Amino acid sequence: MFEAIKKIIGGITPGPPTEDQDDLSINLALTVLLFDAAYADGECTAQEKAHLIDTLETNFKVPREEIDALLADREKQREEHVELFRYTRFLNEHFSEAKKKILLESVWRIILIDGHLEAHEDHFAHRLSDLLNLSHKDLIDAKLRARDQLS
């Protein structure tokens, strides 16, 4: 009985998982956020997709087979407009601040790789930074580092 009360107070309800408690993985959350960054301006170019895949493989060590499956699944979900909060909340629980900064920098590289920044892309990065509990300085620093790396 005491354990059930602790779970309820702690925000974890006993019983089958709810939609918010379902089986998220770090790789899924990363893929969703980077994919949505690539689509922030309404399209994902071949260059953006290639950079997204390279980022997942190189920076986050996600196996290529898993990336392909996650991207195919995310493409289907895109029409359903799955809310980012679910994924950022998961990453806030599992990522250090340093890893979240690396993620934000990766998002900026994907956004900036085509050489121009659109208002939707900028808004996406700002929103993501807020959802990841990063400061405005972290947002600007990540953007500047991404620009330097792409130059």
N, C-alpha and C. Protein backbone atom coordinates (compact mmCIF):
# COMPACT_ATOMS: atom_id res chain seq x y z
N MET A 1 0.81 -1.19 0.00
CA MET A 1 0.00 0.00 0.00
C MET A 1 0.86 1.26 0.00
N PHE A 2 1.92 1.26 0.83
CA PHE A 2 2.81 2.40 0.91
C PHE A 2 3.48 2.66 -0.43
N GLU A 3 3.88 1.61 -1.15
CA GLU A 3 4.52 1.76 -2.46
C GLU A 3 3.55 2.38 -3.46
N ALA A 4 2.29 1.98 -3.42
CA ALA A 4 1.29 2.54 -4.34
C ALA A 4 1.12 4.03 -4.08
N ILE A 5 1.11 4.44 -2.81
CA ILE A 5 0.98 5.86 -2.47
C ILE A 5 2.20 6.63 -2.94
N LYS A 6 3.40 6.07 -2.76
CA LYS A 6 4.62 6.74 -3.22
C LYS A 6 4.60 6.93 -4.73
N LYS A 7 4.12 5.94 -5.46
CA LYS A 7 4.06 6.04 -6.91
C LYS A 7 3.09 7.13 -7.35
N ILE A 8 1.94 7.19 -6.68
CA ILE A 8 0.95 8.22 -7.03
C ILE A 8 1.50 9.60 -6.72
N ILE A 9 2.10 9.78 -5.56
CA ILE A 9 2.67 11.07 -5.19
C ILE A 9 3.81 11.43 -6.13
N GLY A 10 4.59 10.46 -6.53
CA GLY A 10 5.70 10.70 -7.43
C GLY A 10 5.28 10.91 -8.88
N GLY A 11 3.98 10.82 -9.16
CA GLY A 11 3.49 11.06 -10.50
C GLY A 11 3.49 9.83 -11.38
N ILE A 12 3.81 8.68 -10.82
CA ILE A 12 3.80 7.44 -11.59
C ILE A 12 2.63 6.61 -11.09
N THR A 13 1.64 6.44 -11.91
CA THR A 13 0.48 5.70 -11.48
C THR A 13 0.67 4.22 -11.73
N PRO A 14 0.23 3.36 -10.80
CA PRO A 14 0.37 1.93 -11.01
C PRO A 14 -0.55 1.46 -12.13
N GLY A 15 -0.25 0.32 -12.68
CA GLY A 15 -1.09 -0.23 -13.75
C GLY A 15 -0.40 -0.11 -15.09
N PRO A 16 -1.15 -0.37 -16.17
CA PRO A 16 -0.55 -0.32 -17.49
C PRO A 16 -0.10 1.09 -17.83
N PRO A 17 0.95 1.21 -18.64
CA PRO A 17 1.46 2.53 -18.96
C PRO A 17 0.44 3.34 -19.75
N THR A 18 0.43 4.64 -19.48
CA THR A 18 -0.41 5.54 -20.26
C THR A 18 0.34 5.93 -21.52
N GLU A 19 -0.31 6.72 -22.37
CA GLU A 19 0.34 7.15 -23.61
C GLU A 19 1.63 7.92 -23.32
N ASP A 20 1.63 8.74 -22.26
CA ASP A 20 2.81 9.52 -21.94
C ASP A 20 3.93 8.68 -21.34
N GLN A 21 3.61 7.49 -20.82
CA GLN A 21 4.62 6.65 -20.19
C GLN A 21 5.08 5.53 -21.10
N ASP A 22 4.68 5.57 -22.37
CA ASP A 22 4.97 4.43 -23.23
C ASP A 22 6.46 4.31 -23.51
N ASP A 23 6.80 3.39 -24.36
CA ASP A 23 8.15 2.97 -24.61
C ASP A 23 8.94 3.95 -25.48
N LEU A 24 9.41 5.03 -24.91
CA LEU A 24 10.25 5.96 -25.65
C LEU A 24 11.69 5.50 -25.51
N SER A 25 12.46 5.82 -26.51
CA SER A 25 13.90 5.57 -26.42
C SER A 25 14.62 6.86 -26.76
N ILE A 26 15.84 6.95 -26.31
CA ILE A 26 16.66 8.13 -26.62
C ILE A 26 16.83 8.26 -28.13
N ASN A 27 17.06 7.16 -28.82
CA ASN A 27 17.26 7.22 -30.27
C ASN A 27 16.01 7.73 -30.98
N LEU A 28 14.84 7.30 -30.52
CA LEU A 28 13.60 7.78 -31.11
C LEU A 28 13.44 9.27 -30.87
N ALA A 29 13.65 9.70 -29.65
CA ALA A 29 13.50 11.12 -29.32
C ALA A 29 14.47 11.98 -30.13
N LEU A 30 15.72 11.54 -30.24
CA LEU A 30 16.71 12.28 -31.04
C LEU A 30 16.29 12.36 -32.50
N THR A 31 15.86 11.24 -33.05
CA THR A 31 15.44 11.20 -34.46
C THR A 31 14.27 12.13 -34.71
N VAL A 32 13.29 12.09 -33.83
CA VAL A 32 12.11 12.95 -33.99
C VAL A 32 12.52 14.42 -33.99
N LEU A 33 13.33 14.83 -33.03
CA LEU A 33 13.70 16.23 -32.93
C LEU A 33 14.54 16.69 -34.12
N LEU A 34 15.51 15.88 -34.53
CA LEU A 34 16.35 16.26 -35.68
C LEU A 34 15.55 16.25 -36.97
N PHE A 35 14.66 15.28 -37.13
CA PHE A 35 13.82 15.19 -38.32
C PHE A 35 12.88 16.39 -38.39
N ASP A 36 12.30 16.75 -37.27
CA ASP A 36 11.42 17.90 -37.26
C ASP A 36 12.19 19.20 -37.51
N ALA A 37 13.43 19.26 -37.09
CA ALA A 37 14.26 20.43 -37.41
C ALA A 37 14.48 20.52 -38.92
N ALA A 38 14.73 19.38 -39.55
CA ALA A 38 14.94 19.36 -40.99
C ALA A 38 13.67 19.79 -41.74
N TYR A 39 12.51 19.48 -41.19
CA TYR A 39 11.23 19.83 -41.82
C TYR A 39 10.65 21.15 -41.32
N ALA A 40 11.39 21.89 -40.50
CA ALA A 40 10.85 23.11 -39.91
C ALA A 40 10.43 24.13 -40.96
N ASP A 41 11.07 24.13 -42.12
CA ASP A 41 10.71 25.07 -43.19
C ASP A 41 9.73 24.46 -44.19
N GLY A 42 9.20 23.28 -43.88
CA GLY A 42 8.21 22.66 -44.74
C GLY A 42 8.75 21.61 -45.68
N GLU A 43 10.06 21.49 -45.77
CA GLU A 43 10.66 20.46 -46.64
C GLU A 43 11.97 19.98 -46.04
N CYS A 44 12.32 18.77 -46.39
CA CYS A 44 13.59 18.19 -45.95
C CYS A 44 14.38 17.85 -47.21
N THR A 45 15.44 18.62 -47.45
CA THR A 45 16.24 18.39 -48.64
C THR A 45 17.10 17.14 -48.47
N ALA A 46 17.62 16.65 -49.56
CA ALA A 46 18.52 15.48 -49.51
C ALA A 46 19.75 15.80 -48.67
N GLN A 47 20.24 17.04 -48.77
CA GLN A 47 21.41 17.46 -47.99
C GLN A 47 21.09 17.47 -46.50
N GLU A 48 19.91 17.98 -46.13
CA GLU A 48 19.51 18.00 -44.72
C GLU A 48 19.34 16.57 -44.19
N LYS A 49 18.72 15.72 -44.98
CA LYS A 49 18.51 14.33 -44.54
C LYS A 49 19.84 13.60 -44.37
N ALA A 50 20.76 13.81 -45.31
CA ALA A 50 22.08 13.18 -45.21
C ALA A 50 22.81 13.67 -43.96
N HIS A 51 22.72 14.95 -43.68
CA HIS A 51 23.37 15.50 -42.49
C HIS A 51 22.72 14.97 -41.21
N LEU A 52 21.39 14.85 -41.23
CA LEU A 52 20.66 14.30 -40.10
C LEU A 52 21.14 12.87 -39.80
N ILE A 53 21.23 12.05 -40.83
CA ILE A 53 21.67 10.66 -40.66
C ILE A 53 23.10 10.62 -40.15
N ASP A 54 23.97 11.44 -40.73
CA ASP A 54 25.36 11.49 -40.29
C ASP A 54 25.46 11.94 -38.83
N THR A 55 24.65 12.91 -38.44
CA THR A 55 24.64 13.39 -37.06
C THR A 55 24.23 12.29 -36.09
N LEU A 56 23.17 11.56 -36.43
CA LEU A 56 22.72 10.47 -35.56
C LEU A 56 23.79 9.38 -35.45
N GLU A 57 24.44 9.05 -36.57
CA GLU A 57 25.47 8.01 -36.54
C GLU A 57 26.72 8.47 -35.81
N THR A 58 27.20 9.67 -36.12
CA THR A 58 28.48 10.15 -35.61
C THR A 58 28.38 10.69 -34.19
N ASN A 59 27.46 11.61 -33.96
CA ASN A 59 27.39 12.28 -32.66
C ASN A 59 26.67 11.46 -31.59
N PHE A 60 25.71 10.64 -32.01
CA PHE A 60 24.88 9.94 -31.03
C PHE A 60 24.97 8.42 -31.14
N LYS A 61 25.80 7.92 -32.06
CA LYS A 61 26.09 6.48 -32.19
C LYS A 61 24.85 5.62 -32.42
N VAL A 62 23.90 6.13 -33.20
CA VAL A 62 22.70 5.37 -33.53
C VAL A 62 23.02 4.50 -34.76
N PRO A 63 22.77 3.20 -34.70
CA PRO A 63 23.06 2.33 -35.85
C PRO A 63 22.21 2.71 -37.07
N ARG A 64 22.81 2.60 -38.25
CA ARG A 64 22.15 3.03 -39.48
C ARG A 64 20.82 2.31 -39.71
N GLU A 65 20.75 1.02 -39.43
CA GLU A 65 19.51 0.27 -39.62
C GLU A 65 18.39 0.86 -38.76
N GLU A 66 18.74 1.23 -37.55
CA GLU A 66 17.74 1.80 -36.64
C GLU A 66 17.32 3.19 -37.14
N ILE A 67 18.26 3.96 -37.65
CA ILE A 67 17.93 5.28 -38.20
C ILE A 67 16.92 5.15 -39.32
N ASP A 68 17.16 4.22 -40.25
CA ASP A 68 16.24 4.04 -41.38
C ASP A 68 14.83 3.71 -40.90
N ALA A 69 14.74 2.82 -39.92
CA ALA A 69 13.43 2.43 -39.38
C ALA A 69 12.77 3.60 -38.66
N LEU A 70 13.55 4.33 -37.87
CA LEU A 70 12.99 5.47 -37.13
C LEU A 70 12.53 6.58 -38.07
N LEU A 71 13.30 6.83 -39.13
CA LEU A 71 12.91 7.87 -40.08
C LEU A 71 11.64 7.48 -40.84
N ALA A 72 11.54 6.24 -41.20
CA ALA A 72 10.33 5.78 -41.90
C ALA A 72 9.11 5.93 -41.00
N ASP A 73 9.27 5.57 -39.73
CA ASP A 73 8.17 5.69 -38.78
C ASP A 73 7.81 7.15 -38.53
N ARG A 74 8.82 8.01 -38.42
CA ARG A 74 8.56 9.43 -38.16
C ARG A 74 7.87 10.08 -39.35
N GLU A 75 8.21 9.67 -40.55
CA GLU A 75 7.55 10.21 -41.74
C GLU A 75 6.05 9.93 -41.68
N LYS A 76 5.68 8.74 -41.22
CA LYS A 76 4.26 8.40 -41.08
C LYS A 76 3.60 9.27 -40.00
N GLN A 77 4.31 9.48 -38.89
CA GLN A 77 3.75 10.23 -37.76
C GLN A 77 3.68 11.73 -38.04
N ARG A 78 4.46 12.20 -38.99
CA ARG A 78 4.52 13.64 -39.28
C ARG A 78 3.14 14.21 -39.58
N GLU A 79 2.34 13.46 -40.29
CA GLU A 79 1.00 13.93 -40.61
C GLU A 79 0.13 14.03 -39.37
N GLU A 80 0.45 13.26 -38.35
CA GLU A 80 -0.34 13.27 -37.11
C GLU A 80 0.09 14.40 -36.17
N HIS A 81 1.20 15.07 -36.47
CA HIS A 81 1.73 16.18 -35.67
C HIS A 81 1.89 15.79 -34.19
N VAL A 82 2.73 14.81 -33.95
CA VAL A 82 3.01 14.38 -32.58
C VAL A 82 3.76 15.51 -31.87
N GLU A 83 3.31 15.89 -30.71
CA GLU A 83 3.85 17.02 -29.97
C GLU A 83 5.28 16.76 -29.48
N LEU A 84 6.13 17.76 -29.64
CA LEU A 84 7.54 17.66 -29.24
C LEU A 84 7.74 17.53 -27.73
N PHE A 85 6.80 18.06 -26.96
CA PHE A 85 6.96 18.06 -25.52
C PHE A 85 7.22 16.66 -24.98
N ARG A 86 6.54 15.69 -25.54
CA ARG A 86 6.70 14.30 -25.10
C ARG A 86 8.16 13.84 -25.22
N TYR A 87 8.80 14.20 -26.31
CA TYR A 87 10.18 13.77 -26.57
C TYR A 87 11.19 14.60 -25.79
N THR A 88 10.94 15.89 -25.69
CA THR A 88 11.89 16.73 -24.94
C THR A 88 11.82 16.42 -23.45
N ARG A 89 10.63 16.11 -22.96
CA ARG A 89 10.52 15.73 -21.54
C ARG A 89 11.33 14.47 -21.27
N PHE A 90 11.24 13.52 -22.20
CA PHE A 90 12.01 12.28 -22.07
C PHE A 90 13.51 12.57 -22.07
N LEU A 91 13.96 13.41 -22.99
CA LEU A 91 15.39 13.74 -23.05
C LEU A 91 15.83 14.55 -21.83
N ASN A 92 14.98 15.39 -21.31
CA ASN A 92 15.32 16.13 -20.09
C ASN A 92 15.57 15.18 -18.93
N GLU A 93 14.88 14.06 -18.92
CA GLU A 93 15.07 13.07 -17.86
C GLU A 93 16.32 12.23 -18.07
N HIS A 94 16.78 12.09 -19.31
CA HIS A 94 17.87 11.16 -19.61
C HIS A 94 19.16 11.80 -20.11
N PHE A 95 19.14 13.09 -20.41
CA PHE A 95 20.32 13.76 -20.96
C PHE A 95 20.87 14.78 -19.96
N SER A 96 22.19 14.88 -19.94
CA SER A 96 22.82 15.95 -19.18
C SER A 96 22.64 17.26 -19.95
N GLU A 97 22.93 18.36 -19.30
CA GLU A 97 22.85 19.66 -19.97
C GLU A 97 23.83 19.70 -21.15
N ALA A 98 24.99 19.13 -20.99
CA ALA A 98 25.99 19.12 -22.07
C ALA A 98 25.46 18.37 -23.31
N LYS A 99 24.80 17.24 -23.09
CA LYS A 99 24.25 16.48 -24.22
C LYS A 99 23.12 17.23 -24.90
N LYS A 100 22.31 17.94 -24.11
CA LYS A 100 21.22 18.72 -24.69
C LYS A 100 21.79 19.86 -25.54
N LYS A 101 22.91 20.43 -25.12
CA LYS A 101 23.55 21.49 -25.91
C LYS A 101 24.09 20.92 -27.23
N ILE A 102 24.63 19.72 -27.19
CA ILE A 102 25.10 19.06 -28.42
C ILE A 102 23.92 18.81 -29.36
N LEU A 103 22.80 18.39 -28.80
CA LEU A 103 21.61 18.17 -29.60
C LEU A 103 21.16 19.48 -30.26
N LEU A 104 21.11 20.55 -29.49
CA LEU A 104 20.68 21.84 -30.03
C LEU A 104 21.63 22.31 -31.13
N GLU A 105 22.91 22.11 -30.94
CA GLU A 105 23.89 22.45 -31.97
C GLU A 105 23.65 21.62 -33.24
N SER A 106 23.34 20.36 -33.06
CA SER A 106 23.03 19.48 -34.20
C SER A 106 21.80 19.97 -34.95
N VAL A 107 20.81 20.40 -34.20
CA VAL A 107 19.59 20.95 -34.82
C VAL A 107 19.94 22.18 -35.64
N TRP A 108 20.74 23.08 -35.08
CA TRP A 108 21.14 24.27 -35.83
C TRP A 108 21.90 23.91 -37.10
N ARG A 109 22.78 22.91 -37.04
CA ARG A 109 23.51 22.52 -38.26
C ARG A 109 22.55 22.03 -39.35
N ILE A 110 21.57 21.25 -38.96
CA ILE A 110 20.59 20.75 -39.93
C ILE A 110 19.78 21.92 -40.51
N ILE A 111 19.39 22.85 -39.66
CA ILE A 111 18.61 24.00 -40.11
C ILE A 111 19.43 24.89 -41.05
N LEU A 112 20.70 25.08 -40.73
CA LEU A 112 21.53 26.03 -41.47
C LEU A 112 22.27 25.43 -42.66
N ILE A 113 22.20 24.14 -42.84
CA ILE A 113 23.02 23.49 -43.87
C ILE A 113 22.67 23.95 -45.29
N ASP A 114 21.42 24.39 -45.50
CA ASP A 114 21.03 24.84 -46.83
C ASP A 114 21.40 26.29 -47.11
N GLY A 115 22.03 26.96 -46.14
CA GLY A 115 22.55 28.30 -46.37
C GLY A 115 21.61 29.44 -46.04
N HIS A 116 20.39 29.15 -45.64
CA HIS A 116 19.50 30.24 -45.23
C HIS A 116 18.61 29.80 -44.07
N LEU A 117 18.23 30.80 -43.30
CA LEU A 117 17.42 30.56 -42.11
C LEU A 117 16.04 31.18 -42.31
N GLU A 118 15.02 30.36 -42.23
CA GLU A 118 13.65 30.85 -42.35
C GLU A 118 13.03 31.01 -40.97
N ALA A 119 12.01 31.82 -40.89
CA ALA A 119 11.37 32.13 -39.61
C ALA A 119 10.86 30.88 -38.90
N HIS A 120 10.31 29.91 -39.66
CA HIS A 120 9.81 28.68 -39.04
C HIS A 120 10.95 27.88 -38.40
N GLU A 121 12.09 27.88 -39.06
CA GLU A 121 13.25 27.14 -38.55
C GLU A 121 13.76 27.80 -37.26
N ASP A 122 13.86 29.11 -37.29
CA ASP A 122 14.32 29.85 -36.11
C ASP A 122 13.37 29.63 -34.94
N HIS A 123 12.08 29.68 -35.22
CA HIS A 123 11.07 29.45 -34.18
C HIS A 123 11.20 28.03 -33.60
N PHE A 124 11.42 27.05 -34.49
CA PHE A 124 11.58 25.67 -34.03
C PHE A 124 12.76 25.56 -33.06
N ALA A 125 13.90 26.14 -33.42
CA ALA A 125 15.09 26.06 -32.57
C ALA A 125 14.85 26.75 -31.22
N HIS A 126 14.20 27.90 -31.24
CA HIS A 126 13.88 28.60 -29.99
C HIS A 126 12.94 27.77 -29.11
N ARG A 127 11.94 27.21 -29.73
CA ARG A 127 10.97 26.38 -28.99
C ARG A 127 11.66 25.15 -28.39
N LEU A 128 12.51 24.51 -29.19
CA LEU A 128 13.22 23.34 -28.71
C LEU A 128 14.14 23.70 -27.55
N SER A 129 14.85 24.80 -27.67
CA SER A 129 15.72 25.25 -26.59
C SER A 129 14.94 25.45 -25.30
N ASP A 130 13.77 26.08 -25.42
CA ASP A 130 12.92 26.27 -24.23
C ASP A 130 12.48 24.94 -23.65
N LEU A 131 12.04 24.03 -24.50
CA LEU A 131 11.56 22.73 -24.03
C LEU A 131 12.68 21.89 -23.39
N LEU A 132 13.91 22.13 -23.83
CA LEU A 132 15.06 21.41 -23.26
C LEU A 132 15.64 22.13 -22.04
N ASN A 133 14.97 23.20 -21.62
CA ASN A 133 15.40 23.98 -20.46
C ASN A 133 16.80 24.56 -20.62
N LEU A 134 17.11 24.99 -21.83
CA LEU A 134 18.40 25.63 -22.09
C LEU A 134 18.20 27.15 -22.14
N SER A 135 19.24 27.88 -21.83
CA SER A 135 19.14 29.34 -21.80
C SER A 135 19.23 29.93 -23.20
N HIS A 136 18.88 31.21 -23.29
CA HIS A 136 19.00 31.92 -24.57
C HIS A 136 20.47 31.96 -25.00
N LYS A 137 21.37 32.12 -24.05
CA LYS A 137 22.80 32.11 -24.36
C LYS A 137 23.21 30.76 -24.95
N ASP A 138 22.70 29.67 -24.39
CA ASP A 138 22.98 28.33 -24.93
C ASP A 138 22.48 28.23 -26.37
N LEU A 139 21.30 28.78 -26.64
CA LEU A 139 20.72 28.78 -27.98
C LEU A 139 21.63 29.52 -28.97
N ILE A 140 22.05 30.71 -28.60
CA ILE A 140 22.89 31.53 -29.48
C ILE A 140 24.27 30.89 -29.65
N ASP A 141 24.85 30.39 -28.58
CA ASP A 141 26.16 29.73 -28.67
C ASP A 141 26.10 28.52 -29.60
N ALA A 142 25.05 27.74 -29.48
CA ALA A 142 24.89 26.56 -30.34
C ALA A 142 24.75 26.98 -31.80
N LYS A 143 24.01 28.03 -32.05
CA LYS A 143 23.82 28.54 -33.41
C LYS A 143 25.15 29.01 -34.00
N LEU A 144 25.92 29.74 -33.22
CA LEU A 144 27.21 30.26 -33.70
C LEU A 144 28.21 29.11 -33.97
N ARG A 145 28.23 28.12 -33.06
CA ARG A 145 29.12 26.97 -33.28
C ARG A 145 28.72 26.21 -34.54
N ALA A 146 27.41 26.05 -34.75
CA ALA A 146 26.93 25.35 -35.95
C ALA A 146 27.33 26.12 -37.21
N ARG A 147 27.16 27.43 -37.20
CA ARG A 147 27.56 28.25 -38.36
C ARG A 147 29.06 28.10 -38.63
N ASP A 148 29.86 28.16 -37.56
CA ASP A 148 31.31 28.02 -37.73
C ASP A 148 31.67 26.66 -38.34
N GLN A 149 31.01 25.61 -37.88
CA GLN A 149 31.30 24.26 -38.37
C GLN A 149 30.91 24.10 -39.82
N LEU A 150 29.88 24.79 -40.26
CA LEU A 150 29.41 24.67 -41.64
C LEU A 150 30.19 25.57 -42.60
N SER A 151 30.95 26.52 -42.05
CA SER A 151 31.72 27.43 -42.91
C SER A 151 32.95 26.78 -43.49
